[in-house]
N, C-alpha and C. Protein backbone atom coordinates (compact mmCIF):
# COMPACT_ATOMS: atom_id res chain seq x y z
N MET A 1 -18.65 -2.30 -10.38
CA MET A 1 -17.35 -3.55 -10.14
C MET A 1 -16.12 -2.99 -10.82
N ALA A 2 -15.97 -2.50 -11.60
CA ALA A 2 -14.51 -2.12 -12.59
C ALA A 2 -13.80 -1.08 -11.56
N GLU A 3 -15.18 -0.07 -11.55
CA GLU A 3 -14.22 1.03 -10.44
C GLU A 3 -14.09 0.31 -9.09
N ILE A 4 -14.54 -0.43 -8.20
CA ILE A 4 -13.60 -1.28 -7.11
C ILE A 4 -12.13 -1.92 -7.34
N MET A 5 -12.67 -3.00 -8.89
CA MET A 5 -11.29 -3.66 -9.19
C MET A 5 -9.93 -2.79 -9.58
N SER A 6 -10.46 -1.11 -10.31
CA SER A 6 -9.25 -0.06 -10.41
C SER A 6 -8.72 0.20 -8.54
N ARG A 7 -9.82 0.56 -7.67
CA ARG A 7 -9.16 1.14 -6.85
C ARG A 7 -8.19 0.18 -5.87
N GLY A 8 -8.83 -1.01 -6.11
CA GLY A 8 -8.34 -2.06 -5.69
C GLY A 8 -6.92 -2.48 -5.74
N GLN A 9 -6.53 -2.33 -7.13
CA GLN A 9 -5.27 -2.16 -8.01
C GLN A 9 -4.22 -1.21 -7.61
N GLU A 10 -4.96 0.18 -7.36
CA GLU A 10 -4.38 1.48 -6.74
C GLU A 10 -3.76 1.30 -5.65
N MET A 11 -4.92 0.81 -4.27
CA MET A 11 -4.40 0.58 -3.13
C MET A 11 -3.56 -0.72 -2.97
N ALA A 12 -3.31 -1.71 -4.15
CA ALA A 12 -2.32 -2.85 -3.67
C ALA A 12 -0.83 -2.33 -4.39
N LYS A 13 -0.96 -1.18 -5.18
CA LYS A 13 0.23 -0.62 -5.41
C LYS A 13 0.86 0.65 -4.59
N ILE A 14 0.06 1.24 -3.82
CA ILE A 14 0.51 2.54 -3.35
C ILE A 14 0.53 2.27 -2.00
N TRP A 15 -0.24 1.17 -1.24
CA TRP A 15 -0.20 1.33 0.09
C TRP A 15 0.90 0.69 0.94
N PRO A 16 1.95 1.27 1.68
CA PRO A 16 2.68 1.29 2.63
C PRO A 16 2.84 -0.64 3.19
N ARG A 17 3.71 -1.31 2.88
CA ARG A 17 3.51 -2.37 3.28
C ARG A 17 4.82 -2.59 4.46
N ASN A 18 5.92 -1.96 4.65
CA ASN A 18 6.64 -2.43 5.16
C ASN A 18 7.05 -1.39 6.82
N ILE A 19 5.69 -1.16 7.13
CA ILE A 19 5.53 0.16 7.93
C ILE A 19 5.01 -0.99 9.08
N LYS A 20 5.52 -1.31 10.13
CA LYS A 20 5.31 -2.19 11.25
C LYS A 20 3.82 -1.75 11.82
N THR A 21 4.00 -0.75 12.54
CA THR A 21 3.13 0.31 12.75
C THR A 21 2.13 0.44 12.31
N LEU A 22 1.97 0.65 10.88
CA LEU A 22 0.46 0.75 10.08
C LEU A 22 -0.18 -0.64 9.88
N ASN A 23 1.20 -1.70 10.12
CA ASN A 23 -0.11 -2.86 9.47
C ASN A 23 -0.14 -3.70 10.84
N ALA A 24 0.08 -3.24 12.00
CA ALA A 24 -0.58 -3.54 13.04
C ALA A 24 -1.93 -3.08 13.19
N VAL A 25 -2.24 -2.04 12.87
CA VAL A 25 -3.51 -1.45 12.98
C VAL A 25 -4.73 -1.61 11.63
N TYR A 26 -3.98 -1.38 10.30
CA TYR A 26 -4.59 -1.98 9.16
C TYR A 26 -4.22 -3.27 8.44
N ARG A 27 -5.27 -3.76 8.09
CA ARG A 27 -5.16 -5.08 7.51
C ARG A 27 -4.48 -4.84 6.17
N GLU A 28 -4.50 -3.69 5.42
CA GLU A 28 -4.59 -3.50 3.86
C GLU A 28 -3.27 -3.75 3.60
N GLY A 29 -2.08 -3.35 4.33
CA GLY A 29 -0.79 -4.07 4.38
C GLY A 29 -0.58 -5.74 4.01
N PHE A 30 -0.80 -5.60 4.62
CA PHE A 30 -1.31 -7.29 4.74
C PHE A 30 -1.75 -8.09 3.41
N ILE A 31 -2.95 -7.67 3.13
CA ILE A 31 -3.86 -7.88 1.90
C ILE A 31 -3.20 -7.37 0.61
N ALA A 32 -2.34 -6.41 0.64
CA ALA A 32 -1.87 -5.79 -0.64
C ALA A 32 -0.42 -7.00 -0.94
N SER A 33 0.45 -6.96 0.60
CA SER A 33 1.44 -7.67 0.32
C SER A 33 1.27 -9.47 -0.47
N MET A 34 0.01 -10.29 0.13
CA MET A 34 -0.44 -10.97 -0.51
C MET A 34 -0.86 -11.19 -2.22
N VAL A 35 -1.31 -9.85 -2.35
CA VAL A 35 -1.83 -9.58 -3.92
C VAL A 35 -0.93 -9.87 -4.59
N VAL A 36 0.22 -8.61 -4.01
CA VAL A 36 1.10 -9.03 -5.23
C VAL A 36 1.70 -10.28 -5.44
N TYR A 37 2.52 -10.61 -3.80
CA TYR A 37 2.70 -12.70 -3.82
C TYR A 37 2.11 -13.07 -5.02
N ALA A 38 0.54 -13.55 -4.46
CA ALA A 38 -0.06 -14.06 -5.55
C ALA A 38 -0.40 -13.51 -6.80
N GLY A 39 -0.45 -12.57 -7.13
CA GLY A 39 -0.07 -12.54 -8.70
C GLY A 39 0.80 -12.42 -9.40
N ARG A 40 2.46 -12.66 -8.62
CA ARG A 40 3.31 -12.80 -9.11
C ARG A 40 3.54 -14.82 -9.27
N TRP A 41 3.36 -15.32 -8.21
CA TRP A 41 3.64 -16.67 -8.15
C TRP A 41 2.96 -17.62 -8.55
N MET A 42 1.29 -17.49 -8.46
CA MET A 42 0.03 -18.16 -8.51
C MET A 42 0.03 -18.53 -10.04
N PRO A 43 0.03 -18.00 -11.02
CA PRO A 43 -0.21 -18.34 -12.24
C PRO A 43 1.28 -19.34 -13.04
N PRO A 44 2.49 -18.85 -12.71
CA PRO A 44 3.45 -19.79 -12.81
C PRO A 44 3.44 -21.02 -12.55
N MET A 45 3.26 -21.20 -10.85
CA MET A 45 2.51 -22.26 -10.15
C MET A 45 1.91 -23.01 -10.90
N LEU A 46 0.64 -22.98 -11.32
CA LEU A 46 -0.15 -23.09 -11.86
C LEU A 46 0.15 -23.89 -13.22
N CYS A 47 0.70 -23.06 -14.03
CA CYS A 47 1.11 -23.68 -15.15
C CYS A 47 2.33 -24.48 -15.03
N PHE A 48 3.41 -24.69 -14.21
CA PHE A 48 4.63 -25.67 -13.80
C PHE A 48 3.63 -26.81 -13.73
N PHE A 49 2.58 -26.91 -12.35
CA PHE A 49 2.27 -28.26 -12.49
C PHE A 49 1.19 -28.79 -13.31
N ALA A 50 0.84 -27.88 -14.14
CA ALA A 50 0.23 -28.74 -15.42
C ALA A 50 0.80 -29.18 -16.30
N VAL A 51 2.53 -28.41 -16.58
CA VAL A 51 3.15 -29.10 -17.33
C VAL A 51 3.62 -30.43 -16.25
N TRP A 52 3.81 -29.52 -16.06
CA TRP A 52 4.76 -31.34 -14.74
C TRP A 52 3.53 -32.57 -15.04
N TYR A 53 2.76 -32.63 -14.46
CA TYR A 53 1.81 -33.83 -14.65
C TYR A 53 1.70 -34.05 -15.91
N PHE A 54 1.37 -33.45 -17.20
CA PHE A 54 1.33 -34.00 -18.49
C PHE A 54 2.64 -34.05 -19.24
N CYS A 55 3.60 -33.93 -18.64
CA CYS A 55 5.37 -35.24 -19.23
C CYS A 55 5.40 -35.45 -18.25
N PHE A 56 5.39 -35.90 -16.94
CA PHE A 56 6.20 -36.88 -16.06
C PHE A 56 5.06 -37.62 -15.77
N TRP A 57 4.10 -37.60 -14.81
CA TRP A 57 3.29 -38.65 -14.10
C TRP A 57 2.29 -38.94 -15.75
N ARG A 58 2.05 -38.32 -16.26
CA ARG A 58 0.79 -39.35 -17.32
C ARG A 58 1.89 -40.29 -18.41
N TYR A 59 2.95 -39.94 -18.65
CA TYR A 59 3.83 -40.72 -19.64
C TYR A 59 4.30 -41.61 -18.21
N ALA A 60 4.38 -41.70 -16.90
CA ALA A 60 5.05 -42.50 -16.48
C ALA A 60 4.06 -43.47 -15.57
N GLY A 61 2.65 -43.33 -16.47
CA GLY A 61 1.43 -44.52 -16.52
C GLY A 61 0.71 -43.98 -15.04
N VAL A 62 1.43 -43.00 -14.04
CA VAL A 62 0.42 -42.43 -12.91
C VAL A 62 -0.73 -41.78 -13.31
N GLU A 63 -1.74 -42.28 -12.94
CA GLU A 63 -2.83 -41.45 -13.44
C GLU A 63 -3.90 -41.10 -11.96
N PHE A 64 -4.11 -40.29 -11.79
CA PHE A 64 -5.55 -39.30 -11.04
C PHE A 64 -6.65 -40.22 -11.05
N PRO A 65 -7.80 -40.77 -9.73
CA PRO A 65 -8.87 -41.18 -10.27
C PRO A 65 -9.79 -40.56 -10.35
N ALA A 66 -10.64 -40.83 -10.73
CA ALA A 66 -11.63 -40.31 -11.59
C ALA A 66 -12.52 -39.13 -10.36
N TYR A 67 -12.52 -39.21 -9.49
CA TYR A 67 -13.40 -38.49 -8.48
C TYR A 67 -12.19 -37.95 -7.65
N ILE A 68 -11.32 -37.67 -7.87
CA ILE A 68 -9.68 -36.73 -7.38
C ILE A 68 -10.26 -35.39 -8.42
N TRP A 69 -10.27 -35.38 -9.56
CA TRP A 69 -10.28 -34.45 -10.60
C TRP A 69 -11.66 -32.54 -10.71
N PRO A 70 -12.57 -32.93 -10.14
CA PRO A 70 -13.73 -31.68 -9.80
C PRO A 70 -13.19 -30.98 -8.39
N SER A 71 -12.30 -31.70 -7.50
CA SER A 71 -11.79 -31.11 -6.79
C SER A 71 -10.54 -30.32 -6.92
N ALA A 72 -9.79 -30.87 -7.86
CA ALA A 72 -8.22 -30.19 -8.14
C ALA A 72 -9.00 -29.68 -8.85
N VAL A 73 -9.68 -29.09 -10.11
CA VAL A 73 -9.78 -28.25 -10.65
C VAL A 73 -10.28 -27.39 -9.88
N PHE A 74 -11.63 -27.38 -9.09
CA PHE A 74 -11.87 -26.54 -8.10
C PHE A 74 -10.87 -25.66 -7.25
N MET A 75 -9.81 -26.41 -6.78
CA MET A 75 -8.56 -26.04 -5.68
C MET A 75 -7.91 -25.49 -6.89
N LEU A 76 -7.56 -25.36 -8.10
CA LEU A 76 -7.04 -24.78 -9.05
C LEU A 76 -7.36 -23.52 -9.66
N THR A 77 -9.01 -23.55 -9.61
CA THR A 77 -9.84 -22.36 -9.82
C THR A 77 -9.44 -21.27 -8.49
N LEU A 78 -9.16 -22.08 -7.34
CA LEU A 78 -9.33 -20.86 -6.41
C LEU A 78 -7.95 -20.34 -6.35
N ALA A 79 -6.84 -21.14 -6.60
CA ALA A 79 -5.43 -20.70 -6.52
C ALA A 79 -5.32 -19.72 -7.57
N PHE A 80 -6.20 -19.84 -8.89
CA PHE A 80 -5.79 -18.53 -9.40
C PHE A 80 -6.97 -17.27 -9.37
N LEU A 81 -7.87 -17.86 -8.82
CA LEU A 81 -8.48 -16.57 -8.32
C LEU A 81 -8.30 -15.73 -7.37
N ALA A 82 -6.78 -15.90 -6.43
CA ALA A 82 -6.80 -15.45 -4.91
C ALA A 82 -6.06 -14.26 -5.24
N PRO A 83 -5.65 -13.68 -5.99
CA PRO A 83 -5.16 -12.01 -6.63
C PRO A 83 -6.41 -11.83 -7.33
N VAL A 84 -6.98 -11.77 -7.74
CA VAL A 84 -8.49 -11.16 -7.84
C VAL A 84 -9.83 -11.21 -7.03
N TRP A 85 -9.32 -11.84 -5.81
CA TRP A 85 -10.42 -11.71 -4.47
C TRP A 85 -9.81 -10.74 -3.54
N GLY A 86 -8.37 -10.86 -3.45
CA GLY A 86 -7.64 -9.57 -2.75
C GLY A 86 -7.85 -8.43 -3.43
N ILE A 87 -7.66 -8.06 -4.58
CA ILE A 87 -7.76 -6.81 -5.27
C ILE A 87 -9.71 -6.49 -5.13
N TRP A 88 -10.22 -7.35 -5.07
CA TRP A 88 -11.64 -7.05 -4.73
C TRP A 88 -12.03 -6.53 -3.28
N LYS A 89 -11.17 -7.10 -2.18
CA LYS A 89 -11.05 -6.79 -1.10
C LYS A 89 -11.09 -5.38 -0.41
N LEU A 90 -9.76 -5.47 -1.55
CA LEU A 90 -8.85 -4.06 -1.41
C LEU A 90 -9.43 -2.81 -1.69
N GLY A 91 -10.25 -3.02 -3.05
CA GLY A 91 -11.49 -2.08 -3.56
C GLY A 91 -11.92 -1.79 -2.39
N GLN A 92 -12.97 -2.82 -2.00
CA GLN A 92 -13.73 -2.67 -1.36
C GLN A 92 -13.71 -1.74 0.54
N ARG A 93 -12.42 -2.73 0.66
CA ARG A 93 -11.83 -1.76 1.60
C ARG A 93 -11.54 -0.31 1.55
N SER A 94 -11.12 0.27 0.12
CA SER A 94 -10.48 1.50 -0.10
C SER A 94 -12.01 2.60 -0.32
N LEU A 95 -13.30 2.05 -0.25
CA LEU A 95 -14.04 2.91 -0.19
C LEU A 95 -14.97 3.24 1.58
N ARG A 96 -13.90 2.58 2.33
CA ARG A 96 -14.68 3.26 4.16
C ARG A 96 -14.14 4.75 4.06
N ARG A 97 -14.97 5.43 4.46
CA ARG A 97 -14.66 6.66 4.81
C ARG A 97 -14.42 6.48 6.38
N LEU A 98 -13.00 7.57 6.45
CA LEU A 98 -11.93 7.38 8.01
C LEU A 98 -12.87 8.00 9.08
N THR A 99 -12.61 7.69 10.12
CA THR A 99 -13.17 8.07 11.33
C THR A 99 -12.56 9.04 11.77
N PRO A 100 -13.38 9.59 12.76
CA PRO A 100 -12.38 11.38 13.07
C PRO A 100 -11.50 11.27 13.89
N GLN A 101 -10.73 10.32 14.38
CA GLN A 101 -9.54 9.89 14.85
C GLN A 101 -8.69 9.77 13.47
N GLU A 102 -9.09 9.03 12.60
CA GLU A 102 -8.28 8.91 11.31
C GLU A 102 -8.24 10.18 10.20
N ILE A 103 -9.37 10.94 10.50
CA ILE A 103 -9.78 12.49 10.03
C ILE A 103 -8.44 13.17 10.41
N PHE A 104 -8.36 13.76 11.72
CA PHE A 104 -7.03 14.20 12.31
C PHE A 104 -5.62 14.00 11.92
N TRP A 105 -5.57 12.31 11.65
CA TRP A 105 -4.24 11.77 11.26
C TRP A 105 -3.88 11.94 10.13
N TYR A 106 -4.77 12.17 8.84
CA TYR A 106 -4.79 12.44 7.63
C TYR A 106 -4.82 13.98 7.65
N GLY A 107 -4.95 14.52 8.38
CA GLY A 107 -4.63 16.13 8.14
C GLY A 107 -3.67 16.39 8.70
N ARG A 108 -2.91 15.67 9.47
CA ARG A 108 -1.47 16.09 9.81
C ARG A 108 -0.86 15.25 8.72
N ILE A 109 -1.19 14.79 7.96
CA ILE A 109 0.07 14.17 7.13
C ILE A 109 -0.18 14.74 5.89
N CYS A 110 -1.50 15.32 5.40
CA CYS A 110 -1.56 16.66 4.40
C CYS A 110 -0.44 17.74 4.76
N GLU A 111 -1.17 18.17 6.07
CA GLU A 111 0.37 19.16 6.55
C GLU A 111 1.37 19.05 6.57
N ALA A 112 1.88 17.83 6.43
CA ALA A 112 3.33 17.62 6.85
C ALA A 112 4.06 17.63 5.02
N THR A 113 3.09 17.32 3.79
CA THR A 113 3.30 17.51 2.58
C THR A 113 2.95 18.79 2.07
N GLY A 114 1.95 19.52 2.24
CA GLY A 114 2.01 20.70 1.97
C GLY A 114 0.52 20.45 1.19
N ASP A 115 -0.28 19.57 1.56
CA ASP A 115 -1.42 19.50 0.66
C ASP A 115 -2.61 19.75 1.57
N THR A 116 -3.88 20.12 0.68
CA THR A 116 -5.17 20.49 1.42
C THR A 116 -5.72 19.33 1.60
N PRO A 117 -6.10 19.32 3.14
CA PRO A 117 -7.05 17.45 3.07
C PRO A 117 -8.35 17.57 2.29
N ALA A 118 -8.99 16.42 1.78
CA ALA A 118 -9.85 16.43 1.56
C ALA A 118 -11.35 16.74 1.97
N LEU A 119 -12.22 16.81 1.96
CA LEU A 119 -13.18 17.18 3.00
C LEU A 119 -13.93 15.87 3.69
N ASN A 120 -14.14 14.49 2.85
CA ASN A 120 -14.65 13.42 3.36
C ASN A 120 -13.61 12.10 2.83
N PRO A 121 -12.51 12.27 3.39
CA PRO A 121 -11.81 11.12 3.01
C PRO A 121 -11.86 10.07 3.36
N ASP A 122 -11.60 8.76 2.27
CA ASP A 122 -11.70 7.52 2.17
C ASP A 122 -10.45 6.86 2.60
N MET A 123 -10.57 5.55 2.68
CA MET A 123 -9.06 4.69 2.73
C MET A 123 -7.99 5.11 1.62
N LEU A 124 -8.16 4.99 0.42
CA LEU A 124 -7.55 5.64 -0.98
C LEU A 124 -6.72 7.00 -0.82
N THR A 125 -7.89 7.77 -0.07
CA THR A 125 -7.44 9.31 -0.20
C THR A 125 -6.37 8.91 1.05
N LEU A 126 -6.18 8.73 2.14
CA LEU A 126 -5.24 8.39 3.21
C LEU A 126 -4.22 7.73 2.29
N ALA A 127 -4.32 6.51 1.92
CA ALA A 127 -3.06 6.20 1.34
C ALA A 127 -2.37 6.56 0.34
N ARG A 128 -3.08 7.13 -0.58
CA ARG A 128 -2.51 8.52 -1.70
C ARG A 128 -1.81 9.33 -0.44
N ALA A 129 -2.17 10.23 0.86
CA ALA A 129 -1.40 10.72 1.17
C ALA A 129 -0.03 10.36 1.70
N LEU A 130 -0.30 9.06 2.62
CA LEU A 130 1.07 8.58 3.35
C LEU A 130 1.92 8.37 2.07
N ARG A 131 1.61 7.82 1.10
CA ARG A 131 2.63 7.70 -0.51
C ARG A 131 3.04 8.74 -0.82
N LYS A 132 2.67 9.97 -0.71
CA LYS A 132 3.09 10.80 -1.05
C LYS A 132 4.36 11.13 -0.67
N ALA A 133 3.61 11.03 1.22
CA ALA A 133 4.47 11.83 2.42
C ALA A 133 5.65 10.87 2.45
N LEU A 134 5.68 9.66 1.79
CA LEU A 134 6.72 8.36 2.26
C LEU A 134 7.63 9.28 1.01
N ASP A 135 6.98 9.11 0.12
CA ASP A 135 7.99 9.47 -1.00
C ASP A 135 8.94 10.18 -0.91
N ARG A 136 8.77 11.38 -0.01
CA ARG A 136 9.85 12.56 0.14
C ARG A 136 11.50 12.31 0.59
N GLU A 137 11.81 12.96 0.09
CA GLU A 137 13.20 12.75 0.49
C GLU A 137 13.19 12.88 2.20
N GLY A 138 13.93 11.93 2.88
CA GLY A 138 14.40 11.69 3.40
C GLY A 138 12.85 11.62 4.78
N ALA A 139 11.85 11.35 4.52
CA ALA A 139 10.96 11.29 5.41
C ALA A 139 10.80 10.51 6.37
N ASP A 140 10.49 10.19 7.60
CA ASP A 140 10.82 9.19 8.66
C ASP A 140 9.30 8.78 8.94
N PRO A 141 9.08 7.35 8.56
CA PRO A 141 8.03 7.11 8.52
C PRO A 141 7.25 7.03 10.50
N ARG A 142 8.09 6.93 11.02
CA ARG A 142 7.79 6.88 12.44
C ARG A 142 6.96 8.18 12.87
N ALA A 143 7.68 9.31 12.37
CA ALA A 143 6.83 10.68 12.68
C ALA A 143 5.69 10.65 11.76
N LEU A 144 5.06 10.20 11.23
CA LEU A 144 3.84 9.83 10.46
C LEU A 144 3.25 8.80 11.17
N THR A 145 3.19 7.75 11.47
CA THR A 145 2.52 7.08 12.46
C THR A 145 2.55 7.45 13.76
N ASP A 146 2.92 8.69 14.08
CA ASP A 146 2.63 8.48 15.39
C ASP A 146 1.17 9.00 16.02
N GLY A 147 0.27 9.73 14.82
CA GLY A 147 -0.86 10.12 15.32
C GLY A 147 -1.67 8.97 15.18
N ILE A 148 -1.74 7.26 15.00
CA ILE A 148 -2.27 6.31 14.60
C ILE A 148 -2.91 6.22 16.35
């Protein structure tokens, strides 16, 4: 479980999220951007709403009925665990082996960076190769995504 979570965190960090062609084929870019967004904004929003309730509504005499609390706690728990779920899904998707067409495309990317391709690449290996190719100076994303 720890390996899946660490692979998911690495995928969220290194998967290129701003290439439209890549995002049309792979959902990892969408999931990675949602993980980054949820990880950045959900905990502060939950803290803000908790403080807001206790500071303003509680002292103004507004109180929620007792039957609303279980569903509110459940929804807050889901909102707080959204980044964790996204990292888990990215970790699971990173274990998927590449198809023969993706292996050929991965080989072309490794050729462009000067690396030797792995024998049994998975999605995380592809993400690392894509990130390395895009981090080179003057790398054109359109040239990398032609083989998709």
